[in-house]
Amino acid sequence: MRGYSGGKGNAQIRAAEASVVAAGCMWGSMGLWVRRFSAEGLGSMQILALRAVVAVLVLGIFLSIYNRELLRVRLRDLWCFFGTGVCSLLFFGYCYNRTILLTSLSIAAILLYTAPVIVTVLSFFLFKEKMTCRKALALLLAFAGCVLVTGVLDGTHAVSALGILTGLGSGFGYALYSIFSRFALERGYHPLTVTFYTFVFTFAGALPITDWPPILRFVAGRLGDLAYCIAYGIVTTALPYILYTLGLRCVETGRASIMATVEPVVATLIGVFALGERMTVMNAAGVLLVLAALVTLGREKAPAP
């Protein structure tokens, strides 16, 4: 494998880790943005399609001005972007939405966060990434923290077999972004290129299965709504995926996936401080466990290529 940290100094690696954590924080803010879309009658798949459209437009315009060479890809490598866009984001979105309908938000969230486990296992076989004791501990702490943050242990949630299956499917789809992105980066593509073509394929996949008229009515309603859509696409989609993919250039795939579990912690804190939601003792313990996982990884020396 061409090393993710080859020729990189410790400061660069730490900066890459910080960009992964920043991406997780931005994803964690998504619920705050989505509430308005839901209030306007947009469904989860429509919101996913809207994210893809905004990301394609914003990144396409930016790359056309900044460096058109970054828009060039080889036909033989398109499978990488089909993987990130369709096999990962579109499949994950569909499975996650189905899980929410079949179970509950907290069950769906915890099944989604099997992703770091899946990424770590796949990275061991595909990229020969080592499973260290510290990484295993961080993985355990992060998963336990996510369980507590979602409140899934309060005993009030019903779980169906189909719900578990679609939930694990969402975790698998979520994990595939890290895997296919790594393949694309190893083929020499810039993170901006990876992110742009990811959402080109996501948009193409969502096009025939999305009810577009409600989206068009919302966007065309008021200038403020259009600005809100653009800001949403940048803050929760384009920018975090760029940061996460940028981080993958210097950080192990499994390690990055664990660090991104800061997402539900941020979502919980936003719920408490911005939306007035109640934080239980279990939620607080979960937040501390995820932070402990990040500290555990932070104290581990970045592996050599």
Protein backbone atom coordinates (compact mmCIF):
# COMPACT_ATOMS: atom_id res chain seq x y z
CA MET A 1 0.00 0.00 0.00
CA ARG A 2 1.18 3.48 -0.75
CA GLY A 3 1.53 4.96 2.71
CA TYR A 4 -1.08 7.32 4.06
CA SER A 5 1.64 8.86 6.21
CA GLY A 6 4.57 8.37 3.93
CA GLY A 7 6.81 11.41 4.00
CA LYS A 8 4.45 13.19 6.37
CA GLY A 9 5.65 14.90 9.51
CA ASN A 10 3.98 14.50 12.87
CA ALA A 11 2.45 17.99 12.63
CA GLN A 12 0.86 17.10 9.28
CA ILE A 13 -0.58 13.89 10.68
CA ARG A 14 -2.05 15.73 13.68
CA ALA A 15 -3.51 18.33 11.35
CA ALA A 16 -5.08 15.52 9.30
CA GLU A 17 -6.55 14.00 12.46
CA ALA A 18 -7.95 17.40 13.41
CA SER A 19 -9.60 17.67 9.99
CA VAL A 20 -11.28 14.27 10.52
CA VAL A 21 -12.61 15.37 13.92
CA ALA A 22 -13.78 18.68 12.42
CA ALA A 23 -15.66 16.74 9.74
CA GLY A 24 -17.37 14.68 12.44
CA CYS A 25 -18.37 17.86 14.26
CA MET A 26 -19.92 19.30 11.10
CA TRP A 27 -21.86 16.10 10.44
CA GLY A 28 -23.04 16.25 14.03
CA SER A 29 -24.71 19.61 13.34
CA MET A 30 -26.89 18.10 10.62
CA GLY A 31 -29.95 17.61 12.80
CA LEU A 32 -30.12 21.33 13.49
CA TRP A 33 -30.32 22.05 9.77
CA VAL A 34 -32.60 19.14 8.87
CA ARG A 35 -35.36 20.19 11.26
CA ARG A 36 -36.29 23.08 9.02
CA PHE A 37 -36.41 20.87 5.92
CA SER A 38 -38.60 18.37 7.76
CA ALA A 39 -40.91 21.18 8.87
CA GLU A 40 -41.27 22.13 5.20
CA GLY A 41 -42.36 18.59 4.33
CA LEU A 42 -39.14 17.25 2.80
CA GLY A 43 -38.37 13.58 3.45
CA SER A 44 -34.99 12.03 4.24
CA MET A 45 -34.24 10.93 0.66
CA GLN A 46 -35.22 14.37 -0.64
CA ILE A 47 -32.83 15.97 1.85
CA LEU A 48 -30.06 13.59 0.74
CA ALA A 49 -30.73 14.47 -2.91
CA LEU A 50 -30.67 18.18 -2.04
CA ARG A 51 -27.29 17.74 -0.32
CA ALA A 52 -25.93 16.04 -3.42
CA VAL A 53 -27.20 18.75 -5.77
CA VAL A 54 -25.72 21.57 -3.70
CA ALA A 55 -22.39 19.77 -3.30
CA VAL A 56 -22.13 19.13 -7.05
CA LEU A 57 -22.96 22.74 -7.95
CA VAL A 58 -20.74 24.36 -5.31
CA LEU A 59 -17.74 22.09 -5.89
CA GLY A 60 -18.19 22.10 -9.67
CA ILE A 61 -18.13 25.90 -9.83
CA PHE A 62 -15.24 26.11 -7.37
CA LEU A 63 -13.09 23.54 -9.21
CA SER A 64 -13.81 25.17 -12.58
CA ILE A 65 -12.34 28.39 -11.23
CA TYR A 66 -9.66 27.00 -8.90
CA ASN A 67 -8.13 24.19 -10.96
CA ARG A 68 -9.93 22.47 -13.83
CA GLU A 69 -7.33 19.71 -13.82
CA LEU A 70 -8.96 18.39 -10.64
CA LEU A 71 -12.07 17.60 -12.69
CA ARG A 72 -10.16 15.06 -14.76
CA VAL A 73 -10.64 11.38 -13.92
CA ARG A 74 -9.73 8.17 -15.71
CA LEU A 75 -12.60 5.98 -16.93
CA ARG A 76 -10.98 2.92 -15.38
CA ASP A 77 -11.18 4.58 -11.95
CA LEU A 78 -14.88 5.51 -12.05
CA TRP A 79 -15.68 2.46 -9.91
CA CYS A 80 -14.07 4.26 -6.96
CA PHE A 81 -16.56 7.12 -7.22
CA PHE A 82 -19.47 4.79 -7.91
CA GLY A 83 -18.43 3.14 -4.66
CA THR A 84 -18.35 6.36 -2.62
CA GLY A 85 -21.44 7.88 -4.23
CA VAL A 86 -23.83 4.97 -4.82
CA CYS A 87 -22.60 1.98 -2.82
CA SER A 88 -21.83 4.21 0.16
CA LEU A 89 -23.85 7.43 0.45
CA LEU A 90 -26.97 6.46 -1.51
CA PHE A 91 -27.16 2.91 -0.10
CA PHE A 92 -26.45 4.17 3.42
CA GLY A 93 -29.14 6.85 3.10
CA TYR A 94 -31.76 4.37 1.89
CA CYS A 95 -30.97 1.78 4.59
CA TYR A 96 -30.82 4.40 7.34
CA ASN A 97 -34.20 5.84 6.36
CA ARG A 98 -35.76 2.37 6.29
CA THR A 99 -34.29 1.58 9.70
CA ILE A 100 -35.80 4.73 11.19
CA LEU A 101 -39.22 3.64 9.91
CA LEU A 102 -38.80 0.07 11.18
CA THR A 103 -37.27 0.79 14.60
CA SER A 104 -36.44 4.07 16.33
CA LEU A 105 -33.97 6.92 15.89
CA SER A 106 -31.69 5.63 18.65
CA ILE A 107 -31.65 2.04 17.37
CA ALA A 108 -30.98 3.31 13.84
CA ALA A 109 -28.13 5.49 15.12
CA ILE A 110 -26.40 2.73 17.06
CA LEU A 111 -26.63 0.26 14.16
CA LEU A 112 -25.20 2.98 11.91
CA TYR A 113 -22.24 3.31 14.26
CA THR A 114 -21.16 -0.25 13.65
CA ALA A 115 -19.37 1.49 10.75
CA PRO A 116 -16.03 2.02 12.58
CA VAL A 117 -15.91 -1.70 13.39
CA ILE A 118 -16.60 -2.57 9.74
CA VAL A 119 -14.02 -0.06 8.48
CA THR A 120 -11.37 -1.37 10.87
CA VAL A 121 -11.95 -4.99 9.85
CA LEU A 122 -12.02 -4.22 6.11
CA SER A 123 -8.91 -2.04 6.41
CA PHE A 124 -7.06 -4.89 8.10
CA PHE A 125 -7.65 -7.14 5.09
CA LEU A 126 -7.60 -4.58 2.25
CA PHE A 127 -4.90 -2.16 3.39
CA LYS A 128 -2.98 -4.30 5.91
CA GLU A 129 -3.63 -1.77 8.69
CA LYS A 130 -2.54 -3.18 12.04
CA MET A 131 -4.97 -3.69 14.91
CA THR A 132 -3.11 -2.35 17.93
CA CYS A 133 -4.28 -2.73 21.53
CA ARG A 134 -4.79 1.03 21.78
CA LYS A 135 -6.88 1.12 18.59
CA ALA A 136 -8.99 -1.81 19.81
CA LEU A 137 -9.57 -0.03 23.12
CA ALA A 138 -10.51 3.19 21.33
CA LEU A 139 -12.92 1.27 19.08
CA LEU A 140 -14.57 -0.34 22.11
CA LEU A 141 -14.83 2.99 23.95
CA ALA A 142 -16.25 4.77 20.89
CA PHE A 143 -18.89 2.11 20.24
CA ALA A 144 -19.90 1.94 23.91
CA GLY A 145 -20.10 5.73 23.96
CA CYS A 146 -22.36 5.78 20.92
CA VAL A 147 -24.65 3.21 22.56
CA LEU A 148 -25.00 5.38 25.66
CA VAL A 149 -25.37 8.64 23.73
CA THR A 150 -28.33 7.27 21.76
CA GLY A 151 -30.11 6.12 24.94
CA VAL A 152 -30.70 2.69 23.44
CA LEU A 153 -30.33 0.96 26.83
CA ASP A 154 -33.43 2.47 28.41
CA GLY A 155 -35.41 -0.65 27.49
CA THR A 156 -38.24 1.06 25.62
CA HIS A 157 -37.19 0.30 22.03
CA ALA A 158 -38.70 -2.47 19.93
CA VAL A 159 -36.38 -4.06 17.36
CA SER A 160 -37.43 -6.14 14.34
CA ALA A 161 -35.22 -8.53 12.40
CA LEU A 162 -35.67 -6.47 9.22
CA GLY A 163 -34.83 -3.32 11.16
CA ILE A 164 -31.58 -4.86 12.38
CA LEU A 165 -30.75 -5.97 8.83
CA THR A 166 -31.33 -2.54 7.28
CA GLY A 167 -29.52 -0.91 10.22
CA LEU A 168 -26.45 -3.05 9.68
CA GLY A 169 -26.77 -2.22 5.98
CA SER A 170 -26.60 1.49 6.82
CA GLY A 171 -23.46 0.90 8.89
CA PHE A 172 -21.91 -1.08 6.05
CA GLY A 173 -22.78 1.62 3.50
CA TYR A 174 -21.43 4.34 5.80
CA ALA A 175 -18.19 2.39 6.18
CA LEU A 176 -17.72 2.01 2.44
CA TYR A 177 -17.02 5.73 1.99
CA SER A 178 -13.75 5.38 3.89
CA ILE A 179 -12.80 2.28 1.93
CA PHE A 180 -13.55 3.53 -1.59
CA SER A 181 -12.08 6.96 -0.78
CA ARG A 182 -8.83 5.27 0.21
CA PHE A 183 -8.74 3.45 -3.12
CA ALA A 184 -9.31 6.74 -4.97
CA LEU A 185 -6.60 8.54 -2.98
CA GLU A 186 -4.14 5.74 -3.70
CA ARG A 187 -4.79 6.30 -7.39
CA GLY A 188 -3.55 9.86 -7.00
CA TYR A 189 -6.84 11.77 -6.86
CA HIS A 190 -7.14 14.97 -4.84
CA PRO A 191 -9.69 15.03 -1.97
CA LEU A 192 -11.64 17.73 -3.84
CA THR A 193 -11.90 15.42 -6.85
CA VAL A 194 -13.03 12.50 -4.71
CA THR A 195 -15.68 14.59 -2.97
CA PHE A 196 -17.00 16.14 -6.19
CA TYR A 197 -17.42 12.86 -8.07
CA THR A 198 -18.84 11.16 -5.00
CA PHE A 199 -21.77 13.54 -5.11
CA VAL A 200 -22.04 13.41 -8.90
CA PHE A 201 -22.71 9.69 -8.55
CA THR A 202 -24.95 10.20 -5.51
CA PHE A 203 -27.03 12.70 -7.48
CA ALA A 204 -27.20 10.38 -10.50
CA GLY A 205 -28.36 7.53 -8.30
CA ALA A 206 -30.91 9.65 -6.44
CA LEU A 207 -32.33 11.26 -9.60
CA PRO A 208 -34.80 8.48 -10.57
CA ILE A 209 -35.91 7.58 -7.03
CA THR A 210 -36.51 11.04 -5.55
CA ASP A 211 -39.73 13.08 -5.58
CA TRP A 212 -38.30 16.37 -6.88
CA PRO A 213 -41.30 18.81 -7.02
CA PRO A 214 -41.31 19.50 -3.23
CA ILE A 215 -37.57 20.24 -3.39
CA LEU A 216 -38.02 22.63 -6.31
CA ARG A 217 -40.92 24.41 -4.58
CA PHE A 218 -38.85 24.91 -1.42
CA VAL A 219 -35.76 26.18 -3.24
CA ALA A 220 -37.77 28.51 -5.49
CA GLY A 221 -39.92 29.85 -2.65
CA ARG A 222 -37.77 32.58 -1.14
CA LEU A 223 -34.25 33.87 -1.55
CA GLY A 224 -33.57 33.02 2.10
CA ASP A 225 -34.56 29.39 1.50
CA LEU A 226 -32.11 29.13 -1.38
CA ALA A 227 -29.33 30.61 0.79
CA TYR A 228 -30.22 28.15 3.56
CA CYS A 229 -29.92 25.22 1.13
CA ILE A 230 -26.53 26.40 -0.09
CA ALA A 231 -25.23 26.92 3.45
CA TYR A 232 -26.57 23.50 4.47
CA GLY A 233 -24.85 21.82 1.53
CA ILE A 234 -21.53 23.50 2.30
CA VAL A 235 -21.49 23.07 6.09
CA THR A 236 -22.86 19.52 6.35
CA THR A 237 -21.78 18.04 3.03
CA ALA A 238 -19.10 19.60 0.83
CA LEU A 239 -16.76 20.89 3.55
CA PRO A 240 -16.87 17.91 5.97
CA TYR A 241 -16.42 15.35 3.20
CA ILE A 242 -13.47 17.32 1.87
CA LEU A 243 -11.95 17.49 5.36
CA TYR A 244 -12.55 13.80 6.04
CA THR A 245 -11.11 12.72 2.69
CA LEU A 246 -8.17 15.09 3.19
CA GLY A 247 -7.54 13.45 6.56
CA LEU A 248 -7.46 10.01 4.93
CA ARG A 249 -4.29 11.04 3.10
CA CYS A 250 -2.35 10.89 6.37
CA VAL A 251 -4.54 8.90 8.78
CA GLU A 252 -5.33 5.19 8.79
CA THR A 253 -8.82 4.42 7.50
CA GLY A 254 -9.89 2.60 10.66
CA ARG A 255 -8.40 5.28 12.89
CA ALA A 256 -10.23 8.04 11.00
CA SER A 257 -13.53 6.19 11.23
CA ILE A 258 -13.20 5.93 15.01
CA MET A 259 -12.35 9.63 15.29
CA ALA A 260 -15.47 10.54 13.32
CA THR A 261 -17.63 9.05 16.10
CA VAL A 262 -17.47 12.53 17.62
CA GLU A 263 -20.51 13.14 15.37
CA PRO A 264 -23.21 11.80 17.77
CA VAL A 265 -21.52 13.60 20.67
CA VAL A 266 -21.82 16.93 18.86
CA ALA A 267 -25.40 16.09 17.86
CA THR A 268 -26.25 15.40 21.50
CA LEU A 269 -24.63 18.61 22.75
CA ILE A 270 -26.41 20.67 20.09
CA GLY A 271 -29.68 19.04 21.11
CA VAL A 272 -29.09 20.03 24.73
CA PHE A 273 -27.76 23.55 24.31
CA ALA A 274 -29.50 24.69 21.13
CA LEU A 275 -32.77 22.75 21.14
CA GLY A 276 -33.42 22.40 24.85
CA GLU A 277 -33.30 18.60 24.88
CA ARG A 278 -32.61 16.78 28.15
CA MET A 279 -29.27 15.06 28.76
CA THR A 280 -29.44 11.93 30.90
CA VAL A 281 -26.65 10.42 32.95
CA MET A 282 -26.24 7.76 30.23
CA ASN A 283 -25.93 10.41 27.53
CA ALA A 284 -23.26 12.22 29.54
CA ALA A 285 -21.36 8.96 30.14
CA GLY A 286 -21.50 8.24 26.40
CA VAL A 287 -20.04 11.65 25.58
CA LEU A 288 -17.18 11.01 27.99
CA LEU A 289 -16.49 7.56 26.53
CA VAL A 290 -16.26 8.89 22.98
CA LEU A 291 -13.94 11.65 24.13
CA ALA A 292 -11.87 9.02 25.95
CA ALA A 293 -11.63 7.10 22.67
CA LEU A 294 -10.30 10.21 20.92
CA VAL A 295 -7.75 10.79 23.69
CA THR A 296 -6.70 7.13 23.49
CA LEU A 297 -6.06 7.43 19.76
CA GLY A 298 -4.36 10.79 20.20
CA ARG A 299 -1.82 9.30 22.58
CA GLU A 300 -0.91 6.55 20.12
CA LYS A 301 1.98 7.27 17.81
CA ALA A 302 0.89 7.49 14.20
CA PRO A 303 1.88 4.24 12.44
CA ALA A 304 4.67 4.16 9.93
CA PRO A 305 3.76 3.52 6.28
